[in-house]
C-alpha atoms as a PDB file:
ATOM      1  CA  MET A   1      22.340 -25.306  26.179  1.00  0.00           C
ATOM      2  CA  ASP A   2      20.849 -23.665  29.256  1.00  0.00           C
ATOM      3  CA  ASP A   3      17.391 -22.140  29.201  1.00  0.00           C
ATOM      4  CA  TRP A   4      18.762 -18.613  29.641  1.00  0.00           C
ATOM      5  CA  MET A   5      21.067 -19.141  26.648  1.00  0.00           C
ATOM      6  CA  ARG A   6      18.126 -20.246  24.501  1.00  0.00           C
ATOM      7  CA  PHE A   7      16.145 -17.230  25.655  1.00  0.00           C
ATOM      8  CA  PHE A   8      19.077 -14.909  24.926  1.00  0.00           C
ATOM      9  CA  SER A   9      19.566 -16.467  21.475  1.00  0.00           C
ATOM     10  CA  ALA A  10      15.869 -16.091  20.683  1.00  0.00           C
ATOM     11  CA  GLU A  11      15.878 -12.473  21.878  1.00  0.00           C
ATOM     12  CA  LEU A  12      18.958 -11.676  19.809  1.00  0.00           C
ATOM     13  CA  PHE A  13      17.398 -13.323  16.762  1.00  0.00           C
ATOM     14  CA  LEU A  14      14.192 -11.291  17.208  1.00  0.00           C
ATOM     15  CA  ILE A  15      16.176  -8.068  17.552  1.00  0.00           C
ATOM     16  CA  LEU A  16      18.099  -8.781  14.350  1.00  0.00           C
ATOM     17  CA  ILE A  17      14.985  -9.834  12.421  1.00  0.00           C
ATOM     18  CA  SER A  18      12.941  -6.849  13.629  1.00  0.00           C
ATOM     19  CA  SER A  19      15.722  -4.531  12.498  1.00  0.00           C
ATOM     20  CA  LEU A  20      15.750  -6.118   9.038  1.00  0.00           C
ATOM     21  CA  ILE A  21      11.944  -5.981   8.792  1.00  0.00           C
ATOM     22  CA  SER A  22      11.954  -2.345   9.891  1.00  0.00           C
ATOM     23  CA  ARG A  23      14.512  -1.437   7.226  1.00  0.00           C
ATOM     24  CA  SER A  24      12.537  -3.319   4.596  1.00  0.00           C
ATOM     25  CA  VAL A  25       9.279  -1.568   5.542  1.00  0.00           C
ATOM     26  CA  ASN A  26      10.989   1.830   5.613  1.00  0.00           C
ATOM     27  CA  GLY A  27      12.460   1.146   2.176  1.00  0.00           C
ATOM     28  CA  SER A  28       9.044   0.181   0.835  1.00  0.00           C
ATOM     29  CA  VAL A  29       7.449   3.318   2.280  1.00  0.00           C
ATOM     30  CA  GLN A  30      10.173   5.458   0.718  1.00  0.00           C
ATOM     31  CA  THR A  31       9.607   3.748  -2.640  1.00  0.00           C
ATOM     32  CA  VAL A  32       5.847   4.371  -2.446  1.00  0.00           C
ATOM     33  CA  ASN A  33       6.426   8.004  -1.463  1.00  0.00           C
ATOM     34  CA  ALA A  34       8.875   8.500  -4.323  1.00  0.00           C
ATOM     35  CA  THR A  35       6.425   6.936  -6.773  1.00  0.00           C
ATOM     36  CA  ALA A  36       3.583   9.138  -5.527  1.00  0.00           C
ATOM     37  CA  THR A  37       5.804  12.205  -5.815  1.00  0.00           C
ATOM     38  CA  ALA A  38       6.749  11.243  -9.368  1.00  0.00           C
ATOM     39  CA  ILE A  39       3.080  10.776 -10.309  1.00  0.00           C
ATOM     40  CA  VAL A  40       2.102  14.152  -8.844  1.00  0.00           C
ATOM     41  CA  SER A  41       5.060  15.715 -10.621  1.00  0.00           C
ATOM     42  CA  ALA A  42       4.035  14.130 -13.908  1.00  0.00           C
ATOM     43  CA  GLU A  43       0.444  15.251 -13.416  1.00  0.00           C
ATOM     44  CA  SER A  44       1.532  18.853 -13.025  1.00  0.00           C
ATOM     45  CA  THR A  45       3.795  18.832 -16.090  1.00  0.00           C
ATOM     46  CA  VAL A  46       1.806  16.738 -18.580  1.00  0.00           C
ATOM     47  CA  HIS A  47      -1.207  18.299 -20.290  1.00  0.00           C
ATOM     48  CA  PRO A  48      -4.314  17.820 -18.103  1.00  0.00           C
ATOM     49  CA  LEU A  49      -6.284  16.218 -20.938  1.00  0.00           C
ATOM     50  CA  VAL A  50      -3.596  13.574 -21.326  1.00  0.00           C
ATOM     51  CA  PHE A  51      -3.010  12.789 -17.664  1.00  0.00           C
ATOM     52  CA  ASN A  52      -5.620  13.816 -15.107  1.00  0.00           C
ATOM     53  CA  CYS A  53      -5.344  11.815 -11.888  1.00  0.00           C
ATOM     54  CA  SER A  54      -8.439  13.277 -10.255  1.00  0.00           C
ATOM     55  CA  GLU A  55     -10.610  12.426 -13.265  1.00  0.00           C
ATOM     56  CA  LEU A  56      -9.150   8.930 -13.403  1.00  0.00           C
ATOM     57  CA  ASN A  57      -9.756   8.509  -9.673  1.00  0.00           C
ATOM     58  CA  GLU A  58     -13.403   9.545 -10.070  1.00  0.00           C
ATOM     59  CA  GLN A  59     -13.880   7.057 -12.903  1.00  0.00           C
ATOM     60  CA  ILE A  60     -12.317   4.266 -10.850  1.00  0.00           C
ATOM     61  CA  GLN A  61     -14.533   5.102  -7.856  1.00  0.00           C
ATOM     62  CA  THR A  62     -17.617   5.086 -10.096  1.00  0.00           C
ATOM     63  CA  LEU A  63     -16.629   1.716 -11.527  1.00  0.00           C
ATOM     64  CA  VAL A  64     -16.019   0.278  -8.039  1.00  0.00           C
ATOM     65  CA  SER A  65     -19.423   1.540  -6.890  1.00  0.00           C
ATOM     66  CA  ARG A  66     -21.149  -0.036  -9.882  1.00  0.00           C
ATOM     67  CA  VAL A  67     -19.397  -3.376  -9.376  1.00  0.00           C
ATOM     68  CA  LYS A  68     -20.241  -3.324  -5.669  1.00  0.00           C
ATOM     69  CA  ALA A  69     -23.896  -2.532  -6.404  1.00  0.00           C
ATOM     70  CA  THR A  70     -24.072  -5.329  -8.980  1.00  0.00           C
ATOM     71  CA  VAL A  71     -22.526  -7.878  -6.622  1.00  0.00           C
ATOM     72  CA  CYS A  72     -24.809  -6.792  -3.797  1.00  0.00           C
ATOM     73  CA  SER A  73     -27.888  -7.050  -5.995  1.00  0.00           C
ATOM     74  CA  LEU A  74     -26.875 -10.580  -6.981  1.00  0.00           C
ATOM     75  CA  PHE A  75     -26.373 -11.673  -3.370  1.00  0.00           C
ATOM     76  CA  ASN A  76     -29.098  -9.522  -1.755  1.00  0.00           C
ATOM     77  CA  CYS A  77     -26.755  -7.530   0.452  1.00  0.00           C
ATOM     78  CA  THR A  78     -26.585  -3.836   1.227  1.00  0.00           C
ATOM     79  CA  SER A  79     -23.986  -1.731  -0.534  1.00  0.00           C
END
């Protein structure tokens, strides 16, 4: 096979693969967006005491900060 044929085959392969990867990424983004929309929808319809995303987010951030501070104190790093 000539060099130009190899190059053409490689280029064609990359074009096909990039198209498949692009579709896969777009599908994943759409899935994430749909999930986020469903969560926001659920948050607005379910009683706030039962399902409060902002409160849960604050608690998670507090927990992450505490874990980070603990790890940093153990290894003498700055948080």
